[in-house]
Protein backbone atom coordinates (compact mmCIF):
# COMPACT_ATOMS: atom_id res chain seq x y z
CA MET A 1 74.13 109.08 113.19
CA LEU A 2 72.84 106.62 115.77
CA ASP A 3 75.25 104.32 117.75
CA GLU A 4 74.47 100.86 119.00
CA ASN A 5 72.46 101.96 121.94
CA CYS A 6 70.27 104.22 119.59
CA ASP A 7 72.01 107.58 121.07
CA PRO A 8 72.17 110.23 118.44
CA TRP A 9 75.67 111.72 117.38
CA LEU A 10 75.97 114.96 115.57
CA ILE A 11 78.44 114.52 112.90
CA GLU A 12 79.60 117.75 111.40
CA VAL A 13 81.28 118.30 108.22
CA ASN A 14 82.46 121.79 107.28
CA SER A 15 83.79 122.70 103.52
CA SER A 16 86.18 125.30 105.08
CA PRO A 17 86.28 125.17 108.86
CA ALA A 18 87.79 128.05 110.62
CA MET A 19 89.60 127.92 114.07
CA ASP A 20 89.33 131.84 114.93
CA TYR A 21 87.79 133.22 117.69
CA SER A 22 84.39 134.82 116.47
CA THR A 23 82.58 134.67 119.76
CA SER A 24 83.47 134.24 123.36
CA VAL A 25 81.65 130.61 123.22
CA THR A 26 84.01 129.76 119.99
CA GLU A 27 87.15 131.00 121.77
CA GLU A 28 86.43 128.43 124.51
CA LEU A 29 85.55 125.76 122.21
CA VAL A 30 88.41 126.12 119.83
CA GLN A 31 90.91 126.32 122.61
CA GLU A 32 89.58 123.02 124.06
CA VAL A 33 89.42 121.40 120.82
CA MET A 34 92.92 122.13 120.00
CA GLU A 35 94.05 120.88 123.53
CA ASP A 36 92.20 117.69 123.38
CA THR A 37 93.45 116.97 119.67
CA VAL A 38 97.06 117.08 120.97
CA ALA A 39 96.12 114.58 123.72
CA VAL A 40 94.55 111.98 121.25
CA VAL A 41 97.43 112.55 118.71
CA THR A 42 100.10 112.23 121.05
CA ASP A 43 99.17 110.64 124.50
CA TRP A 44 96.51 108.21 123.25
CA HIS A 45 98.14 107.52 120.01
CA PHE A 46 101.57 106.37 121.58
CA ALA A 47 99.99 104.83 124.66
CA SER A 48 100.27 101.08 125.14
CA TRP A 49 97.33 98.85 124.57
CA ARG A 50 96.91 98.44 128.41
CA ARG A 51 96.86 101.98 128.94
CA LYS A 52 94.73 103.60 126.12
CA ASP A 53 91.55 103.20 128.24
CA ASP A 54 93.07 105.39 130.90
CA VAL A 55 94.47 108.24 128.75
CA ASP A 56 92.46 111.65 129.29
CA THR A 57 91.33 112.66 125.70
CA GLY A 58 89.08 115.38 126.73
CA HIS A 59 85.77 115.10 125.15
CA TRP A 60 86.95 112.80 122.32
CA LYS A 61 85.47 109.64 122.27
CA ILE A 62 86.09 106.54 120.12
CA LEU A 63 82.91 105.80 118.15
CA HIS A 64 84.22 102.68 115.89
CA ARG A 65 87.61 100.89 116.21
CA SER A 66 88.48 99.23 112.91
CA LYS A 67 89.86 95.41 112.98
CA MET A 68 92.07 96.35 109.99
CA GLU A 69 94.82 98.56 109.85
CA VAL A 70 95.61 101.00 106.91
CA GLN A 71 98.98 100.63 105.54
CA ARG A 72 100.64 104.03 104.50
CA PRO A 73 101.93 104.27 101.11
CA THR A 74 105.71 104.09 100.93
């Protein structure tokens, strides 16, 4: 995928992703992903709009922000 500056981004889709430590490299990556995911789900999600840009989300980057909000079914 290319962004608005024509920078390439790898989009990976796994049919059955595993979060186990198969190598020393995956051990470090999995731990980092888990910590950063918690920061995105809690710190960024619950931050006020004024503070969202200042929240540390690790290596996660927002590539697209929708103008529409998707309503959850009740």
